[in-house]
Amino acid sequence: MSEHISEPSADDASSRMERFQRMRQSLPDIDNDPMINELRARMSLDPQALVAGIVAVRFLGPFGKALVERLSASLGEPMALVPARLRLAGGKNIERIIIDTPTGTTTFVLPAFDLRDEAKSAILNLDLAQISPESLYWNAETKAWKRRD
């Protein structure tokens, strides 16, 4: 006893394709879903950079938390992802805060201890999404971050 298996007709294939297209259109658009985009971003993070950033935020205390909040707002990124953009340098007495932004890497070279609070507060007033990728130094006279001349 042999059964004959027939090839599907072009009409059957066309009908299946139409049903598939209708079903696909009824599904939510995941390419523009903020939650899906956040998950994609989290999966692409370098875990070592994230851990180093979290340590930096904890070390900086209230200023670190404020910096993460400011970066999150400026860059439109979830606060959980922002620490991966931060690094500290200079050993025991932190001398530099390094921030990776969409325009590149910016290094804030911190001044002497007596001027640090004022200088760190001024970082929070900058548009961090648009800051130029360079080393910036605190000018105590103008009370602003500047490039070294």
N, C-alpha and C. Protein backbone atom coordinates (compact mmCIF):
# COMPACT_ATOMS: atom_id res chain seq x y z
N MET A 1 0.85 -1.16 0.00
CA MET A 1 0.00 0.00 0.00
C MET A 1 0.90 1.23 0.00
N SER A 2 0.75 2.02 -0.99
CA SER A 2 1.57 3.22 -1.06
C SER A 2 0.68 4.45 -1.07
N GLU A 3 1.15 5.42 -0.31
CA GLU A 3 0.40 6.68 -0.28
C GLU A 3 1.10 7.67 -1.16
N HIS A 4 0.32 8.46 -1.78
CA HIS A 4 0.89 9.49 -2.65
C HIS A 4 0.84 10.84 -1.91
N ILE A 5 2.01 11.43 -1.74
CA ILE A 5 2.08 12.74 -1.08
C ILE A 5 2.17 13.78 -2.17
N SER A 6 1.23 14.66 -2.14
CA SER A 6 1.21 15.68 -3.19
C SER A 6 1.89 16.96 -2.72
N GLU A 7 2.46 17.65 -3.64
CA GLU A 7 3.09 18.93 -3.38
C GLU A 7 2.00 19.97 -3.13
N PRO A 8 2.22 20.89 -2.18
CA PRO A 8 1.21 21.93 -1.97
C PRO A 8 1.13 22.83 -3.20
N SER A 9 -0.04 23.26 -3.46
CA SER A 9 -0.23 24.14 -4.61
C SER A 9 0.25 25.54 -4.27
N ALA A 10 0.43 26.33 -5.31
CA ALA A 10 0.87 27.72 -5.13
C ALA A 10 -0.18 28.50 -4.35
N ASP A 11 -1.46 28.14 -4.54
CA ASP A 11 -2.53 28.82 -3.81
C ASP A 11 -2.44 28.55 -2.32
N ASP A 12 -2.09 27.28 -1.93
CA ASP A 12 -1.94 26.94 -0.52
C ASP A 12 -0.78 27.71 0.11
N ALA A 13 0.34 27.78 -0.59
CA ALA A 13 1.50 28.51 -0.08
C ALA A 13 1.19 29.99 0.04
N SER A 14 0.49 30.53 -0.92
CA SER A 14 0.12 31.95 -0.88
C SER A 14 -0.83 32.22 0.28
N SER A 15 -1.75 31.32 0.49
CA SER A 15 -2.72 31.46 1.58
C SER A 15 -2.01 31.41 2.93
N ARG A 16 -1.06 30.47 3.06
CA ARG A 16 -0.30 30.38 4.32
C ARG A 16 0.52 31.64 4.56
N MET A 17 1.11 32.17 3.50
CA MET A 17 1.91 33.39 3.63
C MET A 17 1.02 34.56 4.06
N GLU A 18 -0.15 34.67 3.51
CA GLU A 18 -1.08 35.75 3.90
C GLU A 18 -1.47 35.61 5.37
N ARG A 19 -1.78 34.39 5.81
CA ARG A 19 -2.13 34.17 7.21
C ARG A 19 -0.96 34.53 8.12
N PHE A 20 0.24 34.14 7.72
CA PHE A 20 1.45 34.46 8.49
C PHE A 20 1.62 35.99 8.60
N GLN A 21 1.45 36.70 7.50
CA GLN A 21 1.60 38.16 7.51
C GLN A 21 0.56 38.81 8.41
N ARG A 22 -0.70 38.34 8.36
CA ARG A 22 -1.74 38.89 9.24
C ARG A 22 -1.41 38.63 10.70
N MET A 23 -0.95 37.40 11.00
CA MET A 23 -0.60 37.06 12.37
C MET A 23 0.57 37.94 12.84
N ARG A 24 1.56 38.13 11.99
CA ARG A 24 2.72 38.93 12.34
C ARG A 24 2.34 40.39 12.62
N GLN A 25 1.41 40.92 11.84
CA GLN A 25 0.97 42.30 12.04
C GLN A 25 0.20 42.48 13.34
N SER A 26 -0.41 41.41 13.83
CA SER A 26 -1.18 41.51 15.07
C SER A 26 -0.29 41.46 16.31
N LEU A 27 0.98 41.07 16.14
CA LEU A 27 1.91 41.02 17.27
C LEU A 27 2.42 42.41 17.61
N PRO A 28 2.80 42.66 18.87
CA PRO A 28 3.33 43.98 19.24
C PRO A 28 4.67 44.24 18.55
N ASP A 29 4.96 45.51 18.33
CA ASP A 29 6.21 45.92 17.69
C ASP A 29 7.32 45.92 18.75
N ILE A 30 8.11 44.85 18.79
CA ILE A 30 9.13 44.75 19.84
C ILE A 30 10.37 45.58 19.52
N ASP A 31 10.54 46.00 18.26
CA ASP A 31 11.72 46.79 17.92
C ASP A 31 11.71 48.16 18.59
N ASN A 32 10.52 48.66 18.92
CA ASN A 32 10.41 49.98 19.55
C ASN A 32 9.95 49.89 20.99
N ASP A 33 9.99 48.72 21.57
CA ASP A 33 9.55 48.53 22.94
C ASP A 33 10.69 48.92 23.88
N PRO A 34 10.48 49.91 24.77
CA PRO A 34 11.56 50.36 25.67
C PRO A 34 12.11 49.25 26.56
N MET A 35 11.25 48.35 27.03
CA MET A 35 11.71 47.29 27.90
C MET A 35 12.63 46.32 27.12
N ILE A 36 12.26 46.00 25.90
CA ILE A 36 13.10 45.12 25.07
C ILE A 36 14.43 45.80 24.77
N ASN A 37 14.38 47.10 24.46
CA ASN A 37 15.62 47.84 24.18
C ASN A 37 16.54 47.88 25.40
N GLU A 38 15.96 48.04 26.59
CA GLU A 38 16.77 48.05 27.81
C GLU A 38 17.41 46.68 28.04
N LEU A 39 16.66 45.61 27.80
CA LEU A 39 17.23 44.27 27.95
C LEU A 39 18.36 44.05 26.96
N ARG A 40 18.20 44.51 25.73
CA ARG A 40 19.27 44.38 24.74
C ARG A 40 20.52 45.12 25.20
N ALA A 41 20.32 46.33 25.74
CA ALA A 41 21.46 47.12 26.21
C ALA A 41 22.15 46.44 27.39
N ARG A 42 21.38 45.87 28.30
CA ARG A 42 21.98 45.20 29.46
C ARG A 42 22.79 43.98 29.03
N MET A 43 22.30 43.27 28.02
CA MET A 43 23.00 42.07 27.58
C MET A 43 24.30 42.41 26.86
N SER A 44 24.41 43.63 26.33
CA SER A 44 25.62 44.00 25.60
C SER A 44 26.68 44.67 26.48
N LEU A 45 26.37 44.89 27.75
CA LEU A 45 27.31 45.54 28.66
C LEU A 45 28.50 44.65 29.01
N ASP A 46 29.63 45.29 29.19
CA ASP A 46 30.82 44.60 29.69
C ASP A 46 30.65 44.47 31.21
N PRO A 47 30.54 43.25 31.73
CA PRO A 47 30.29 43.09 33.17
C PRO A 47 31.38 43.71 34.04
N GLN A 48 32.64 43.66 33.60
CA GLN A 48 33.72 44.24 34.39
C GLN A 48 33.58 45.76 34.47
N ALA A 49 33.17 46.39 33.36
CA ALA A 49 32.97 47.84 33.37
C ALA A 49 31.82 48.21 34.30
N LEU A 50 30.77 47.40 34.30
CA LEU A 50 29.63 47.67 35.17
C LEU A 50 30.02 47.55 36.64
N VAL A 51 30.76 46.51 36.98
CA VAL A 51 31.20 46.32 38.38
C VAL A 51 32.11 47.47 38.79
N ALA A 52 33.07 47.83 37.94
CA ALA A 52 33.99 48.94 38.26
C ALA A 52 33.20 50.24 38.44
N GLY A 53 32.20 50.45 37.61
CA GLY A 53 31.38 51.65 37.73
C GLY A 53 30.56 51.68 39.01
N ILE A 54 30.03 50.54 39.39
CA ILE A 54 29.25 50.46 40.64
C ILE A 54 30.16 50.75 41.83
N VAL A 55 31.37 50.20 41.81
CA VAL A 55 32.34 50.48 42.89
C VAL A 55 32.66 51.98 42.91
N ALA A 56 32.84 52.59 41.74
CA ALA A 56 33.13 54.02 41.66
C ALA A 56 31.99 54.84 42.25
N VAL A 57 30.78 54.47 41.92
CA VAL A 57 29.61 55.21 42.43
C VAL A 57 29.55 55.09 43.95
N ARG A 58 29.76 53.89 44.47
CA ARG A 58 29.74 53.69 45.92
C ARG A 58 30.86 54.49 46.60
N PHE A 59 32.03 54.51 45.98
CA PHE A 59 33.17 55.22 46.55
C PHE A 59 32.91 56.73 46.58
N LEU A 60 32.24 57.24 45.55
CA LEU A 60 31.97 58.69 45.47
C LEU A 60 30.82 59.12 46.38
N GLY A 61 30.09 58.17 46.92
CA GLY A 61 29.02 58.49 47.86
C GLY A 61 27.86 59.25 47.23
N PRO A 62 27.30 60.23 47.95
CA PRO A 62 26.15 60.97 47.44
C PRO A 62 26.42 61.64 46.08
N PHE A 63 27.65 62.11 45.88
CA PHE A 63 27.98 62.70 44.58
C PHE A 63 27.89 61.64 43.47
N GLY A 64 28.35 60.42 43.74
CA GLY A 64 28.28 59.34 42.76
C GLY A 64 26.85 59.04 42.37
N LYS A 65 25.98 59.00 43.35
CA LYS A 65 24.55 58.74 43.08
C LYS A 65 23.96 59.88 42.24
N ALA A 66 24.29 61.11 42.60
CA ALA A 66 23.80 62.26 41.83
C ALA A 66 24.35 62.26 40.41
N LEU A 67 25.60 61.85 40.25
CA LEU A 67 26.21 61.78 38.92
C LEU A 67 25.50 60.74 38.05
N VAL A 68 25.19 59.59 38.62
CA VAL A 68 24.47 58.55 37.87
C VAL A 68 23.09 59.06 37.47
N GLU A 69 22.40 59.72 38.39
CA GLU A 69 21.07 60.26 38.07
C GLU A 69 21.16 61.29 36.94
N ARG A 70 22.17 62.14 37.01
CA ARG A 70 22.36 63.19 35.99
C ARG A 70 22.70 62.58 34.63
N LEU A 71 23.60 61.60 34.62
CA LEU A 71 23.96 60.93 33.37
C LEU A 71 22.75 60.20 32.78
N SER A 72 22.00 59.54 33.63
CA SER A 72 20.81 58.82 33.16
C SER A 72 19.84 59.78 32.48
N ALA A 73 19.61 60.93 33.11
CA ALA A 73 18.70 61.92 32.53
C ALA A 73 19.28 62.51 31.24
N SER A 74 20.56 62.82 31.25
CA SER A 74 21.19 63.44 30.06
C SER A 74 21.23 62.49 28.88
N LEU A 75 21.52 61.23 29.14
CA LEU A 75 21.71 60.27 28.06
C LEU A 75 20.44 59.50 27.71
N GLY A 76 19.42 59.63 28.57
CA GLY A 76 18.19 58.89 28.32
C GLY A 76 18.37 57.39 28.51
N GLU A 77 19.27 57.00 29.41
CA GLU A 77 19.54 55.58 29.69
C GLU A 77 19.03 55.23 31.07
N PRO A 78 18.65 53.97 31.26
CA PRO A 78 18.24 53.54 32.60
C PRO A 78 19.41 53.67 33.59
N MET A 79 19.09 54.05 34.83
CA MET A 79 20.13 54.25 35.84
C MET A 79 20.95 52.98 36.07
N ALA A 80 20.36 51.82 35.86
CA ALA A 80 21.08 50.56 36.09
C ALA A 80 22.23 50.37 35.11
N LEU A 81 22.18 51.02 33.94
CA LEU A 81 23.21 50.85 32.92
C LEU A 81 24.32 51.89 33.01
N VAL A 82 24.03 53.03 33.60
CA VAL A 82 24.95 54.16 33.61
C VAL A 82 26.29 53.90 34.31
N PRO A 83 26.33 53.18 35.42
CA PRO A 83 27.63 52.99 36.08
C PRO A 83 28.71 52.42 35.18
N ALA A 84 28.35 51.67 34.16
CA ALA A 84 29.35 51.11 33.25
C ALA A 84 30.09 52.21 32.49
N ARG A 85 29.57 53.43 32.51
CA ARG A 85 30.21 54.56 31.83
C ARG A 85 31.22 55.29 32.71
N LEU A 86 31.33 54.93 33.98
CA LEU A 86 32.17 55.66 34.94
C LEU A 86 33.41 54.87 35.35
N ARG A 87 34.51 55.60 35.52
CA ARG A 87 35.74 55.03 36.05
C ARG A 87 36.42 56.09 36.91
N LEU A 88 37.20 55.62 37.87
CA LEU A 88 38.01 56.51 38.70
C LEU A 88 39.47 56.16 38.47
N ALA A 89 40.33 57.16 38.59
CA ALA A 89 41.77 56.93 38.42
C ALA A 89 42.53 57.77 39.43
N GLY A 90 43.72 57.30 39.77
CA GLY A 90 44.58 58.08 40.65
C GLY A 90 44.87 57.43 41.96
N GLY A 91 44.51 56.18 42.13
CA GLY A 91 44.85 55.48 43.36
C GLY A 91 43.98 55.87 44.54
N LYS A 92 44.60 55.87 45.71
CA LYS A 92 43.88 56.11 46.97
C LYS A 92 43.20 57.49 46.99
N ASN A 93 43.91 58.50 46.54
CA ASN A 93 43.33 59.84 46.45
C ASN A 93 42.88 60.05 44.99
N ILE A 94 41.64 59.85 44.76
CA ILE A 94 41.13 59.91 43.39
C ILE A 94 41.49 61.24 42.76
N GLU A 95 42.12 61.16 41.61
CA GLU A 95 42.56 62.36 40.90
C GLU A 95 41.74 62.65 39.65
N ARG A 96 41.08 61.60 39.12
CA ARG A 96 40.33 61.79 37.88
C ARG A 96 39.03 61.00 37.92
N ILE A 97 37.98 61.61 37.37
CA ILE A 97 36.72 60.93 37.12
C ILE A 97 36.60 60.84 35.61
N ILE A 98 36.44 59.62 35.10
CA ILE A 98 36.40 59.39 33.65
C ILE A 98 35.00 58.93 33.28
N ILE A 99 34.41 59.60 32.29
CA ILE A 99 33.04 59.31 31.87
C ILE A 99 33.03 59.04 30.37
N ASP A 100 32.45 57.90 30.00
CA ASP A 100 32.25 57.58 28.59
C ASP A 100 30.88 58.10 28.17
N THR A 101 30.87 59.00 27.19
CA THR A 101 29.62 59.56 26.68
C THR A 101 29.50 59.21 25.20
N PRO A 102 28.35 59.51 24.59
CA PRO A 102 28.20 59.22 23.15
C PRO A 102 29.23 59.95 22.29
N THR A 103 29.77 61.06 22.76
CA THR A 103 30.76 61.81 21.97
C THR A 103 32.18 61.33 22.20
N GLY A 104 32.41 60.48 23.22
CA GLY A 104 33.76 59.98 23.51
C GLY A 104 34.00 59.92 25.01
N THR A 105 35.27 59.86 25.38
CA THR A 105 35.65 59.75 26.79
C THR A 105 36.12 61.11 27.29
N THR A 106 35.53 61.55 28.39
CA THR A 106 35.90 62.82 29.01
C THR A 106 36.51 62.53 30.38
N THR A 107 37.63 63.17 30.66
CA THR A 107 38.30 63.00 31.94
C THR A 107 38.25 64.32 32.70
N PHE A 108 37.72 64.27 33.91
CA PHE A 108 37.71 65.44 34.80
C PHE A 108 38.88 65.27 35.76
N VAL A 109 39.88 66.14 35.64
CA VAL A 109 41.05 66.09 36.52
C VAL A 109 40.69 66.93 37.75
N LEU A 110 40.58 66.26 38.88
CA LEU A 110 40.10 66.93 40.09
C LEU A 110 41.16 67.83 40.70
N PRO A 111 40.73 68.94 41.27
CA PRO A 111 41.67 69.88 41.90
C PRO A 111 42.05 69.41 43.31
N ALA A 112 42.78 70.24 44.00
CA ALA A 112 43.17 69.96 45.39
C ALA A 112 41.92 69.74 46.24
N PHE A 113 42.09 69.05 47.35
CA PHE A 113 40.96 68.66 48.18
C PHE A 113 40.05 69.81 48.58
N ASP A 114 40.60 70.98 48.86
CA ASP A 114 39.76 72.08 49.33
C ASP A 114 38.82 72.61 48.25
N LEU A 115 39.04 72.28 47.00
CA LEU A 115 38.17 72.76 45.91
C LEU A 115 37.31 71.65 45.31
N ARG A 116 37.46 70.44 45.79
CA ARG A 116 36.80 69.30 45.15
C ARG A 116 35.28 69.34 45.20
N ASP A 117 34.70 69.71 46.31
CA ASP A 117 33.23 69.72 46.41
C ASP A 117 32.62 70.66 45.38
N GLU A 118 33.19 71.85 45.28
CA GLU A 118 32.71 72.84 44.32
C GLU A 118 32.89 72.32 42.89
N ALA A 119 34.02 71.72 42.60
CA ALA A 119 34.31 71.21 41.25
C ALA A 119 33.38 70.05 40.89
N LYS A 120 33.16 69.15 41.85
CA LYS A 120 32.27 68.01 41.58
C LYS A 120 30.84 68.49 41.37
N SER A 121 30.39 69.45 42.15
CA SER A 121 29.04 69.99 41.96
C SER A 121 28.87 70.58 40.57
N ALA A 122 29.92 71.21 40.07
CA ALA A 122 29.85 71.83 38.74
C ALA A 122 29.72 70.78 37.64
N ILE A 123 30.25 69.58 37.85
CA ILE A 123 30.08 68.51 36.86
C ILE A 123 28.60 68.23 36.65
N LEU A 124 27.84 68.26 37.73
CA LEU A 124 26.42 67.95 37.65
C LEU A 124 25.63 69.00 36.87
N ASN A 125 26.20 70.18 36.70
CA ASN A 125 25.52 71.25 35.95
C ASN A 125 25.85 71.24 34.47
N LEU A 126 26.74 70.34 34.04
CA LEU A 126 27.12 70.27 32.63
C LEU A 126 26.14 69.41 31.85
N ASP A 127 26.03 69.66 30.55
CA ASP A 127 25.26 68.78 29.67
C ASP A 127 26.17 67.62 29.30
N LEU A 128 26.10 66.56 30.07
CA LEU A 128 27.03 65.45 29.93
C LEU A 128 26.87 64.68 28.63
N ALA A 129 25.71 64.77 27.99
CA ALA A 129 25.51 64.09 26.71
C ALA A 129 26.24 64.81 25.58
N GLN A 130 26.52 66.09 25.76
CA GLN A 130 27.13 66.89 24.69
C GLN A 130 28.56 67.32 24.99
N ILE A 131 29.10 66.87 26.10
CA ILE A 131 30.43 67.32 26.51
C ILE A 131 31.50 66.78 25.54
N SER A 132 32.51 67.56 25.30
CA SER A 132 33.55 67.15 24.36
C SER A 132 34.47 66.11 24.99
N PRO A 133 34.95 65.16 24.17
CA PRO A 133 35.83 64.11 24.69
C PRO A 133 37.26 64.60 24.86
N GLU A 134 37.60 65.03 26.06
CA GLU A 134 38.93 65.56 26.33
C GLU A 134 39.16 65.58 27.83
N SER A 135 40.33 66.03 28.25
CA SER A 135 40.61 66.21 29.66
C SER A 135 40.23 67.63 30.04
N LEU A 136 39.47 67.74 31.11
CA LEU A 136 39.04 69.05 31.60
C LEU A 136 39.62 69.29 32.99
N TYR A 137 39.95 70.54 33.25
CA TYR A 137 40.57 70.93 34.52
C TYR A 137 39.71 71.99 35.18
N TRP A 138 39.68 71.98 36.51
CA TRP A 138 38.89 72.95 37.26
C TRP A 138 39.63 74.28 37.32
N ASN A 139 38.95 75.34 36.90
CA ASN A 139 39.50 76.70 36.99
C ASN A 139 38.84 77.36 38.19
N ALA A 140 39.61 77.56 39.25
CA ALA A 140 39.06 78.11 40.50
C ALA A 140 38.62 79.56 40.34
N GLU A 141 39.25 80.30 39.42
CA GLU A 141 38.88 81.70 39.23
C GLU A 141 37.52 81.83 38.56
N THR A 142 37.30 81.07 37.50
CA THR A 142 36.01 81.15 36.78
C THR A 142 34.98 80.19 37.32
N LYS A 143 35.42 79.30 38.21
CA LYS A 143 34.56 78.25 38.79
C LYS A 143 33.88 77.44 37.68
N ALA A 144 34.71 76.99 36.75
CA ALA A 144 34.20 76.21 35.61
C ALA A 144 35.24 75.20 35.17
N TRP A 145 34.77 74.14 34.50
CA TRP A 145 35.65 73.15 33.92
C TRP A 145 36.14 73.66 32.56
N LYS A 146 37.44 73.63 32.35
CA LYS A 146 38.03 74.17 31.11
C LYS A 146 39.09 73.22 30.57
N ARG A 147 39.37 73.37 29.28
CA ARG A 147 40.52 72.68 28.70
C ARG A 147 41.78 73.41 29.17
N ARG A 148 42.84 72.66 29.31
CA ARG A 148 44.11 73.28 29.70
C ARG A 148 44.64 74.04 28.49
N ASP A 149 45.05 75.26 28.70
CA ASP A 149 45.57 76.09 27.59
C ASP A 149 46.97 75.71 27.23
